[in-house]
Amino acid sequence: MLLIKGIIEILQKADGEAAGSFNDFANILIDGRRLSSATVSKRLGELVVAGAVKEVITRSDKGRRIIAYRTTQKGKRAIKLAVELKKVFSDTENG
């Protein structure tokens, strides 16, 4: 696929009912391999700067800061476009 490794997968994971944590993204498998912590960190930073995900900061019972990520409307549009792009390329391969 032409998209940068992990971008769409992270957006999709952050688009669930609950905001995704760093560990959730580190468990994403692409071609049978997990995304490295460095890749997850880099992609999350890129997505936050681009406005495709936002940080959701809460506190644990012990006051520890917890950062999770949620897909924004801009990120949802990117997911939709990526799905369409993937379909176009798979249609091209099949016909």
PDB file of N, CA and C in Angstrom:
ATOM      1  N   MET A   1       0.848  -1.193   0.000  1.00  0.00           N
ATOM      2  CA  MET A   1       0.000   0.000   0.000  1.00  0.00           C
ATOM      3  C   MET A   1       0.882   1.242   0.000  1.00  0.00           C
ATOM      4  N   LEU A   2       0.383   2.287  -0.550  1.00  0.00           N
ATOM      5  CA  LEU A   2       1.148   3.509  -0.711  1.00  0.00           C
ATOM      6  C   LEU A   2       1.210   4.381   0.537  1.00  0.00           C
ATOM      7  N   LEU A   3       0.383   4.092   1.519  1.00  0.00           N
ATOM      8  CA  LEU A   3       0.338   4.923   2.714  1.00  0.00           C
ATOM      9  C   LEU A   3       1.480   4.580   3.668  1.00  0.00           C
ATOM     10  N   ILE A   4       1.834   5.536   4.500  1.00  0.00           N
ATOM     11  CA  ILE A   4       2.911   5.341   5.456  1.00  0.00           C
ATOM     12  C   ILE A   4       2.503   4.280   6.472  1.00  0.00           C
ATOM     13  N   LYS A   5       3.423   3.383   6.743  1.00  0.00           N
ATOM     14  CA  LYS A   5       3.174   2.240   7.626  1.00  0.00           C
ATOM     15  C   LYS A   5       2.598   2.670   8.972  1.00  0.00           C
ATOM     16  N   GLY A   6       1.436   2.115   9.291  1.00  0.00           N
ATOM     17  CA  GLY A   6       0.830   2.296  10.605  1.00  0.00           C
ATOM     18  C   GLY A   6      -0.168   3.429  10.722  1.00  0.00           C
ATOM     19  N   ILE A   7      -0.156   4.361   9.782  1.00  0.00           N
ATOM     20  CA  ILE A   7      -1.032   5.536   9.905  1.00  0.00           C
ATOM     21  C   ILE A   7      -2.509   5.143   9.962  1.00  0.00           C
ATOM     22  N   ILE A   8      -2.984   4.428   8.974  1.00  0.00           N
ATOM     23  CA  ILE A   8      -4.407   4.081   8.919  1.00  0.00           C
ATOM     24  C   ILE A   8      -4.774   3.111  10.031  1.00  0.00           C
ATOM     25  N   GLU A   9      -3.900   2.168  10.320  1.00  0.00           N
ATOM     26  CA  GLU A   9      -4.183   1.202  11.385  1.00  0.00           C
ATOM     27  C   GLU A   9      -4.335   1.906  12.735  1.00  0.00           C
ATOM     28  N   ILE A  10      -3.489   2.886  13.000  1.00  0.00           N
ATOM     29  CA  ILE A  10      -3.592   3.646  14.251  1.00  0.00           C
ATOM     30  C   ILE A  10      -4.876   4.469  14.259  1.00  0.00           C
ATOM     31  N   LEU A  11      -5.176   5.122  13.150  1.00  0.00           N
ATOM     32  CA  LEU A  11      -6.427   5.890  13.074  1.00  0.00           C
ATOM     33  C   LEU A  11      -7.636   4.999  13.328  1.00  0.00           C
ATOM     34  N   GLN A  12      -7.650   3.814  12.728  1.00  0.00           N
ATOM     35  CA  GLN A  12      -8.786   2.904  12.913  1.00  0.00           C
ATOM     36  C   GLN A  12      -8.888   2.431  14.358  1.00  0.00           C
ATOM     37  N   LYS A  13      -7.757   2.126  14.974  1.00  0.00           N
ATOM     38  CA  LYS A  13      -7.769   1.675  16.374  1.00  0.00           C
ATOM     39  C   LYS A  13      -8.244   2.798  17.300  1.00  0.00           C
ATOM     40  N   ALA A  14      -7.855   4.038  17.007  1.00  0.00           N
ATOM     41  CA  ALA A  14      -8.250   5.182  17.833  1.00  0.00           C
ATOM     42  C   ALA A  14      -9.693   5.585  17.590  1.00  0.00           C
ATOM     43  N   ASP A  15     -10.319   4.994  16.582  1.00  0.00           N
ATOM     44  CA  ASP A  15     -11.685   5.335  16.222  1.00  0.00           C
ATOM     45  C   ASP A  15     -12.712   4.451  16.925  1.00  0.00           C
ATOM     46  N   GLY A  16     -12.288   3.614  17.838  1.00  0.00           N
ATOM     47  CA  GLY A  16     -13.205   2.740  18.559  1.00  0.00           C
ATOM     48  C   GLY A  16     -14.008   3.495  19.601  1.00  0.00           C
ATOM     49  N   GLU A  17     -14.814   2.762  20.356  1.00  0.00           N
ATOM     50  CA  GLU A  17     -15.640   3.388  21.388  1.00  0.00           C
ATOM     51  C   GLU A  17     -14.787   4.032  22.471  1.00  0.00           C
ATOM     52  N   ALA A  18     -13.718   3.363  22.855  1.00  0.00           N
ATOM     53  CA  ALA A  18     -12.821   3.909  23.863  1.00  0.00           C
ATOM     54  C   ALA A  18     -11.575   4.464  23.186  1.00  0.00           C
ATOM     55  N   ALA A  19     -11.032   5.519  23.748  1.00  0.00           N
ATOM     56  CA  ALA A  19      -9.787   6.064  23.216  1.00  0.00           C
ATOM     57  C   ALA A  19      -8.692   5.017  23.361  1.00  0.00           C
ATOM     58  N   GLY A  20      -7.774   4.970  22.398  1.00  0.00           N
ATOM     59  CA  GLY A  20      -6.710   3.972  22.401  1.00  0.00           C
ATOM     60  C   GLY A  20      -5.485   4.440  23.161  1.00  0.00           C
ATOM     61  N   SER A  21      -4.875   3.510  23.873  1.00  0.00           N
ATOM     62  CA  SER A  21      -3.640   3.820  24.595  1.00  0.00           C
ATOM     63  C   SER A  21      -2.435   3.460  23.729  1.00  0.00           C
ATOM     64  N   PHE A  22      -1.275   3.928  24.140  1.00  0.00           N
ATOM     65  CA  PHE A  22      -0.050   3.618  23.419  1.00  0.00           C
ATOM     66  C   PHE A  22       0.107   2.111  23.261  1.00  0.00           C
ATOM     67  N   ASN A  23      -0.166   1.360  24.318  1.00  0.00           N
ATOM     68  CA  ASN A  23      -0.021  -0.100  24.264  1.00  0.00           C
ATOM     69  C   ASN A  23      -0.982  -0.737  23.265  1.00  0.00           C
ATOM     70  N   ASP A  24      -2.170  -0.170  23.123  1.00  0.00           N
ATOM     71  CA  ASP A  24      -3.110  -0.676  22.118  1.00  0.00           C
ATOM     72  C   ASP A  24      -2.502  -0.574  20.722  1.00  0.00           C
ATOM     73  N   PHE A  25      -1.855   0.533  20.452  1.00  0.00           N
ATOM     74  CA  PHE A  25      -1.260   0.744  19.126  1.00  0.00           C
ATOM     75  C   PHE A  25      -0.013  -0.110  18.925  1.00  0.00           C
ATOM     76  N   ALA A  26       0.715  -0.364  19.992  1.00  0.00           N
ATOM     77  CA  ALA A  26       1.919  -1.197  19.896  1.00  0.00           C
ATOM     78  C   ALA A  26       1.568  -2.657  19.611  1.00  0.00           C
ATOM     79  N   ASN A  27       0.302  -3.026  19.782  1.00  0.00           N
ATOM     80  CA  ASN A  27      -0.142  -4.394  19.497  1.00  0.00           C
ATOM     81  C   ASN A  27      -0.722  -4.560  18.096  1.00  0.00           C
ATOM     82  N   ILE A  28      -0.698  -3.504  17.298  1.00  0.00           N
ATOM     83  CA  ILE A  28      -1.197  -3.585  15.928  1.00  0.00           C
ATOM     84  C   ILE A  28      -0.256  -4.457  15.105  1.00  0.00           C
ATOM     85  N   LEU A  29      -0.849  -5.389  14.362  1.00  0.00           N
ATOM     86  CA  LEU A  29      -0.059  -6.254  13.485  1.00  0.00           C
ATOM     87  C   LEU A  29      -0.214  -5.804  12.034  1.00  0.00           C
ATOM     88  N   ILE A  30       0.914  -5.674  11.347  1.00  0.00           N
ATOM     89  CA  ILE A  30       0.927  -5.380   9.920  1.00  0.00           C
ATOM     90  C   ILE A  30       1.830  -6.424   9.280  1.00  0.00           C
ATOM     91  N   ASP A  31       1.270  -7.188   8.361  1.00  0.00           N
ATOM     92  CA  ASP A  31       2.007  -8.285   7.723  1.00  0.00           C
ATOM     93  C   ASP A  31       2.606  -9.233   8.765  1.00  0.00           C
ATOM     94  N   GLY A  32       1.833  -9.487   9.837  1.00  0.00           N
ATOM     95  CA  GLY A  32       2.253 -10.430  10.866  1.00  0.00           C
ATOM     96  C   GLY A  32       3.268  -9.899  11.858  1.00  0.00           C
ATOM     97  N   ARG A  33       3.624  -8.626  11.765  1.00  0.00           N
ATOM     98  CA  ARG A  33       4.613  -8.037  12.676  1.00  0.00           C
ATOM     99  C   ARG A  33       4.003  -6.865  13.417  1.00  0.00           C
ATOM    100  N   ARG A  34       4.384  -6.728  14.683  1.00  0.00           N
ATOM    101  CA  ARG A  34       3.898  -5.605  15.485  1.00  0.00           C
ATOM    102  C   ARG A  34       4.637  -4.329  15.106  1.00  0.00           C
ATOM    103  N   LEU A  35       3.932  -3.222  15.248  1.00  0.00           N
ATOM    104  CA  LEU A  35       4.587  -1.933  15.067  1.00  0.00           C
ATOM    105  C   LEU A  35       5.566  -1.723  16.216  1.00  0.00           C
ATOM    106  N   SER A  36       6.733  -1.205  15.933  1.00  0.00           N
ATOM    107  CA  SER A  36       7.705  -0.943  16.997  1.00  0.00           C
ATOM    108  C   SER A  36       7.237   0.249  17.824  1.00  0.00           C
ATOM    109  N   SER A  37       7.727   0.341  19.041  1.00  0.00           N
ATOM    110  CA  SER A  37       7.396   1.478  19.902  1.00  0.00           C
ATOM    111  C   SER A  37       7.816   2.787  19.249  1.00  0.00           C
ATOM    112  N   ALA A  38       8.960   2.781  18.581  1.00  0.00           N
ATOM    113  CA  ALA A  38       9.438   3.992  17.910  1.00  0.00           C
ATOM    114  C   ALA A  38       8.486   4.407  16.799  1.00  0.00           C
ATOM    115  N   THR A  39       7.989   3.438  16.035  1.00  0.00           N
ATOM    116  CA  THR A  39       7.054   3.746  14.947  1.00  0.00           C
ATOM    117  C   THR A  39       5.749   4.275  15.515  1.00  0.00           C
ATOM    118  N   VAL A  40       5.236   3.639  16.553  1.00  0.00           N
ATOM    119  CA  VAL A  40       3.983   4.090  17.174  1.00  0.00           C
ATOM    120  C   VAL A  40       4.138   5.520  17.684  1.00  0.00           C
ATOM    121  N   SER A  41       5.216   5.785  18.382  1.00  0.00           N
ATOM    122  CA  SER A  41       5.463   7.111  18.928  1.00  0.00           C
ATOM    123  C   SER A  41       5.537   8.161  17.817  1.00  0.00           C
ATOM    124  N   LYS A  42       6.276   7.839  16.773  1.00  0.00           N
ATOM    125  CA  LYS A  42       6.421   8.772  15.652  1.00  0.00           C
ATOM    126  C   LYS A  42       5.079   9.026  14.977  1.00  0.00           C
ATOM    127  N   ARG A  43       4.339   7.956  14.681  1.00  0.00           N
ATOM    128  CA  ARG A  43       3.051   8.108  13.989  1.00  0.00           C
ATOM    129  C   ARG A  43       2.043   8.880  14.835  1.00  0.00           C
ATOM    130  N   LEU A  44       1.983   8.594  16.141  1.00  0.00           N
ATOM    131  CA  LEU A  44       1.061   9.333  17.004  1.00  0.00           C
ATOM    132  C   LEU A  44       1.398  10.816  16.998  1.00  0.00           C
ATOM    133  N   GLY A  45       2.679  11.130  17.073  1.00  0.00           N
ATOM    134  CA  GLY A  45       3.101  12.529  17.024  1.00  0.00           C
ATOM    135  C   GLY A  45       2.689  13.195  15.726  1.00  0.00           C
ATOM    136  N   GLU A  46       2.897  12.496  14.618  1.00  0.00           N
ATOM    137  CA  GLU A  46       2.512  13.028  13.307  1.00  0.00           C
ATOM    138  C   GLU A  46       1.005  13.238  13.211  1.00  0.00           C
ATOM    139  N   LEU A  47       0.250  12.266  13.719  1.00  0.00           N
ATOM    140  CA  LEU A  47      -1.208  12.349  13.649  1.00  0.00           C
ATOM    141  C   LEU A  47      -1.769  13.458  14.541  1.00  0.00           C
ATOM    142  N   VAL A  48      -1.158  13.682  15.695  1.00  0.00           N
ATOM    143  CA  VAL A  48      -1.592  14.771  16.582  1.00  0.00           C
ATOM    144  C   VAL A  48      -1.317  16.116  15.909  1.00  0.00           C
ATOM    145  N   VAL A  49      -0.110  16.284  15.375  1.00  0.00           N
ATOM    146  CA  VAL A  49       0.239  17.542  14.706  1.00  0.00           C
ATOM    147  C   VAL A  49      -0.678  17.791  13.510  1.00  0.00           C
ATOM    148  N   ALA A  50      -1.025  16.753  12.774  1.00  0.00           N
ATOM    149  CA  ALA A  50      -1.899  16.879  11.602  1.00  0.00           C
ATOM    150  C   ALA A  50      -3.363  17.113  11.985  1.00  0.00           C
ATOM    151  N   GLY A  51      -3.690  16.901  13.262  1.00  0.00           N
ATOM    152  CA  GLY A  51      -5.070  17.079  13.706  1.00  0.00           C
ATOM    153  C   GLY A  51      -5.968  15.889  13.417  1.00  0.00           C
ATOM    154  N   ALA A  52      -5.368  14.736  13.118  1.00  0.00           N
ATOM    155  CA  ALA A  52      -6.146  13.537  12.815  1.00  0.00           C
ATOM    156  C   ALA A  52      -6.501  12.746  14.065  1.00  0.00           C
ATOM    157  N   VAL A  53      -5.723  12.912  15.126  1.00  0.00           N
ATOM    158  CA  VAL A  53      -6.068  12.342  16.432  1.00  0.00           C
ATOM    159  C   VAL A  53      -5.847  13.419  17.493  1.00  0.00           C
ATOM    160  N   LYS A  54      -6.559  13.263  18.593  1.00  0.00           N
ATOM    161  CA  LYS A  54      -6.360  14.175  19.712  1.00  0.00           C
ATOM    162  C   LYS A  54      -6.014  13.365  20.950  1.00  0.00           C
ATOM    163  N   GLU A  55      -5.248  13.978  21.817  1.00  0.00           N
ATOM    164  CA  GLU A  55      -4.906  13.338  23.084  1.00  0.00           C
ATOM    165  C   GLU A  55      -6.068  13.504  24.053  1.00  0.00           C
ATOM    166  N   VAL A  56      -6.364  12.436  24.766  1.00  0.00           N
ATOM    167  CA  VAL A  56      -7.375  12.459  25.817  1.00  0.00           C
ATOM    168  C   VAL A  56      -6.625  12.146  27.110  1.00  0.00           C
ATOM    169  N   ILE A  57      -6.503  13.141  27.967  1.00  0.00           N
ATOM    170  CA  ILE A  57      -5.707  12.980  29.183  1.00  0.00           C
ATOM    171  C   ILE A  57      -6.629  12.835  30.375  1.00  0.00           C
ATOM    172  N   THR A  58      -6.400  11.753  31.132  1.00  0.00           N
ATOM    173  CA  THR A  58      -7.162  11.499  32.350  1.00  0.00           C
ATOM    174  C   THR A  58      -6.175  11.182  33.471  1.00  0.00           C
ATOM    175  N   ARG A  59      -6.700  10.940  34.640  1.00  0.00           N
ATOM    176  CA  ARG A  59      -5.873  10.567  35.799  1.00  0.00           C
ATOM    177  C   ARG A  59      -6.338   9.222  36.348  1.00  0.00           C
ATOM    178  N   SER A  60      -5.370   8.414  36.749  1.00  0.00           N
ATOM    179  CA  SER A  60      -5.701   7.138  37.383  1.00  0.00           C
ATOM    180  C   SER A  60      -6.162   7.408  38.812  1.00  0.00           C
ATOM    181  N   ASP A  61      -6.594   6.355  39.489  1.00  0.00           N
ATOM    182  CA  ASP A  61      -7.021   6.491  40.886  1.00  0.00           C
ATOM    183  C   ASP A  61      -5.903   7.045  41.769  1.00  0.00           C
ATOM    184  N   LYS A  62      -4.655   6.766  41.385  1.00  0.00           N
ATOM    185  CA  LYS A  62      -3.508   7.222  42.167  1.00  0.00           C
ATOM    186  C   LYS A  62      -2.957   8.553  41.666  1.00  0.00           C
ATOM    187  N   GLY A  63      -3.672   9.175  40.726  1.00  0.00           N
ATOM    188  CA  GLY A  63      -3.271  10.486  40.240  1.00  0.00           C
ATOM    189  C   GLY A  63      -2.285  10.469  39.083  1.00  0.00           C
ATOM    190  N   ARG A  64      -1.968   9.291  38.616  1.00  0.00           N
ATOM    191  CA  ARG A  64      -1.026   9.182  37.487  1.00  0.00           C
ATOM    192  C   ARG A  64      -1.708   9.638  36.196  1.00  0.00           C
ATOM    193  N   ARG A  65      -0.970  10.382  35.399  1.00  0.00           N
ATOM    194  CA  ARG A  65      -1.483  10.907  34.127  1.00  0.00           C
ATOM    195  C   ARG A  65      -1.568   9.782  33.099  1.00  0.00           C
ATOM    196  N   ILE A  66      -2.735   9.646  32.478  1.00  0.00           N
ATOM    197  CA  ILE A  66      -2.954   8.623  31.459  1.00  0.00           C
ATOM    198  C   ILE A  66      -3.298   9.334  30.155  1.00  0.00           C
ATOM    199  N   ILE A  67      -2.537   9.023  29.108  1.00  0.00           N
ATOM    200  CA  ILE A  67      -2.788   9.633  27.803  1.00  0.00           C
ATOM    201  C   ILE A  67      -3.340   8.567  26.868  1.00  0.00           C
ATOM    202  N   ALA A  68      -4.467   8.873  26.271  1.00  0.00           N
ATOM    203  CA  ALA A  68      -5.060   8.011  25.251  1.00  0.00           C
ATOM    204  C   ALA A  68      -5.303   8.889  24.029  1.00  0.00           C
ATOM    205  N   TYR A  69      -5.687   8.250  22.937  1.00  0.00           N
ATOM    206  CA  TYR A  69      -5.849   8.977  21.675  1.00  0.00           C
ATOM    207  C   TYR A  69      -7.174   8.612  21.041  1.00  0.00           C
ATOM    208  N   ARG A  70      -7.806   9.624  20.450  1.00  0.00           N
ATOM    209  CA  ARG A  70      -9.089   9.432  19.779  1.00  0.00           C
ATOM    210  C   ARG A  70      -9.026  10.089  18.407  1.00  0.00           C
ATOM    211  N   THR A  71      -9.603   9.413  17.425  1.00  0.00           N
ATOM    212  CA  THR A  71      -9.644   9.936  16.063  1.00  0.00           C
ATOM    213  C   THR A  71     -10.575  11.152  15.999  1.00  0.00           C
ATOM    214  N   THR A  72     -10.139  12.201  15.330  1.00  0.00           N
ATOM    215  CA  THR A  72     -10.953  13.399  15.119  1.00  0.00           C
ATOM    216  C   THR A  72     -11.766  13.239  13.828  1.00  0.00           C
ATOM    217  N   GLN A  73     -12.594  14.218  13.530  1.00  0.00           N
ATOM    218  CA  GLN A  73     -13.345  14.190  12.269  1.00  0.00           C
ATOM    219  C   GLN A  73     -12.393  14.148  11.082  1.00  0.00           C
ATOM    220  N   LYS A  74     -11.304  14.882  11.170  1.00  0.00           N
ATOM    221  CA  LYS A  74     -10.311  14.877  10.102  1.00  0.00           C
ATOM    222  C   LYS A  74      -9.731  13.469   9.926  1.00  0.00           C
ATOM    223  N   GLY A  75      -9.462  12.789  11.026  1.00  0.00           N
ATOM    224  CA  GLY A  75      -8.951  11.424  10.971  1.00  0.00           C
ATOM    225  C   GLY A  75      -9.973  10.455  10.392  1.00  0.00           C
ATOM    226  N   LYS A  76     -11.239  10.661  10.736  1.00  0.00           N
ATOM    227  CA  LYS A  76     -12.306   9.808  10.196  1.00  0.00           C
ATOM    228  C   LYS A  76     -12.391   9.956   8.674  1.00  0.00           C
ATOM    229  N   ARG A  77     -12.219  11.187   8.187  1.00  0.00           N
ATOM    230  CA  ARG A  77     -12.219  11.403   6.736  1.00  0.00           C
ATOM    231  C   ARG A  77     -11.033  10.692   6.089  1.00  0.00           C
ATOM    232  N   ALA A  78      -9.882  10.729   6.764  1.00  0.00           N
ATOM    233  CA  ALA A  78      -8.687  10.055   6.233  1.00  0.00           C
ATOM    234  C   ALA A  78      -8.914   8.544   6.150  1.00  0.00           C
ATOM    235  N   ILE A  79      -9.563   7.965   7.151  1.00  0.00           N
ATOM    236  CA  ILE A  79      -9.872   6.531   7.129  1.00  0.00           C
ATOM    237  C   ILE A  79     -10.756   6.220   5.926  1.00  0.00           C
ATOM    238  N   LYS A  80     -11.799   7.012   5.748  1.00  0.00           N
ATOM    239  CA  LYS A  80     -12.727   6.794   4.632  1.00  0.00           C
ATOM    240  C   LYS A  80     -11.991   6.862   3.292  1.00  0.00           C
ATOM    241  N   LEU A  81     -11.143   7.852   3.127  1.00  0.00           N
ATOM    242  CA  LEU A  81     -10.385   7.994   1.877  1.00  0.00           C
ATOM    243  C   LEU A  81      -9.416   6.827   1.673  1.00  0.00           C
ATOM    244  N   ALA A  82      -8.780   6.376   2.749  1.00  0.00           N
ATOM    245  CA  ALA A  82      -7.838   5.254   2.643  1.00  0.00           C
ATOM    246  C   ALA A  82      -8.552   3.972   2.237  1.00  0.00           C
ATOM    247  N   VAL A  83      -9.755   3.755   2.780  1.00  0.00           N
ATOM    248  CA  VAL A  83     -10.538   2.574   2.413  1.00  0.00           C
ATOM    249  C   VAL A  83     -10.901   2.636   0.932  1.00  0.00           C
ATOM    250  N   GLU A  84     -11.290   3.814   0.473  1.00  0.00           N
ATOM    251  CA  GLU A  84     -11.614   3.982  -0.948  1.00  0.00           C
ATOM    252  C   GLU A  84     -10.378   3.763  -1.827  1.00  0.00           C
ATOM    253  N   LEU A  85      -9.244   4.300  -1.399  1.00  0.00           N
ATOM    254  CA  LEU A  85      -7.997   4.136  -2.145  1.00  0.00           C
ATOM    255  C   LEU A  85      -7.597   2.664  -2.222  1.00  0.00           C
ATOM    256  N   LYS A  86      -7.735   1.967  -1.107  1.00  0.00           N
ATOM    257  CA  LYS A  86      -7.401   0.542  -1.075  1.00  0.00           C
ATOM    258  C   LYS A  86      -8.296  -0.229  -2.050  1.00  0.00           C
ATOM    259  N   LYS A  87      -9.561   0.126  -2.085  1.00  0.00           N
ATOM    260  CA  LYS A  87     -10.494  -0.530  -2.999  1.00  0.00           C
ATOM    261  C   LYS A  87     -10.096  -0.276  -4.456  1.00  0.00           C
ATOM    262  N   VAL A  88      -9.730   0.951  -4.762  1.00  0.00           N
ATOM    263  CA  VAL A  88      -9.314   1.286  -6.133  1.00  0.00           C
ATOM    264  C   VAL A  88      -8.119   0.436  -6.541  1.00  0.00           C
ATOM    265  N   PHE A  89      -7.141   0.318  -5.651  1.00  0.00           N
ATOM    266  CA  PHE A  89      -5.942  -0.455  -5.988  1.00  0.00           C
ATOM    267  C   PHE A  89      -6.227  -1.954  -6.066  1.00  0.00           C
ATOM    268  N   SER A  90      -7.126  -2.454  -5.210  1.00  0.00           N
ATOM    269  CA  SER A  90      -7.439  -3.883  -5.295  1.00  0.00           C
ATOM    270  C   SER A  90      -8.269  -4.171  -6.549  1.00  0.00           C
ATOM    271  N   ASP A  91      -9.124  -3.220  -6.957  1.00  0.00           N
ATOM    272  CA  ASP A  91      -9.867  -3.385  -8.209  1.00  0.00           C
ATOM    273  C   ASP A  91      -8.917  -3.392  -9.403  1.00  0.00           C
ATOM    274  N   THR A  92      -7.868  -2.570  -9.338  1.00  0.00           N
ATOM    275  CA  THR A  92      -6.876  -2.494 -10.414  1.00  0.00           C
ATOM    276  C   THR A  92      -6.121  -3.813 -10.537  1.00  0.00           C
ATOM    277  N   GLU A  93      -5.794  -4.425  -9.399  1.00  0.00           N
ATOM    278  CA  GLU A  93      -5.071  -5.701  -9.404  1.00  0.00           C
ATOM    279  C   GLU A  93      -5.938  -6.826  -9.968  1.00  0.00           C
ATOM    280  N   ASN A  94      -7.250  -6.744  -9.739  1.00  0.00           N
ATOM    281  CA  ASN A  94      -8.168  -7.808 -10.159  1.00  0.00           C
ATOM    282  C   ASN A  94      -8.707  -7.622 -11.578  1.00  0.00           C
ATOM    283  N   GLY A  95      -8.424  -6.518 -12.174  1.00  0.00           N
ATOM    284  CA  GLY A  95      -9.057  -6.355 -13.459  1.00  0.00           C
ATOM    285  C   GLY A  95      -8.340  -5.402 -14.308  1.00  0.00           C
TER     286      GLY A  95
END
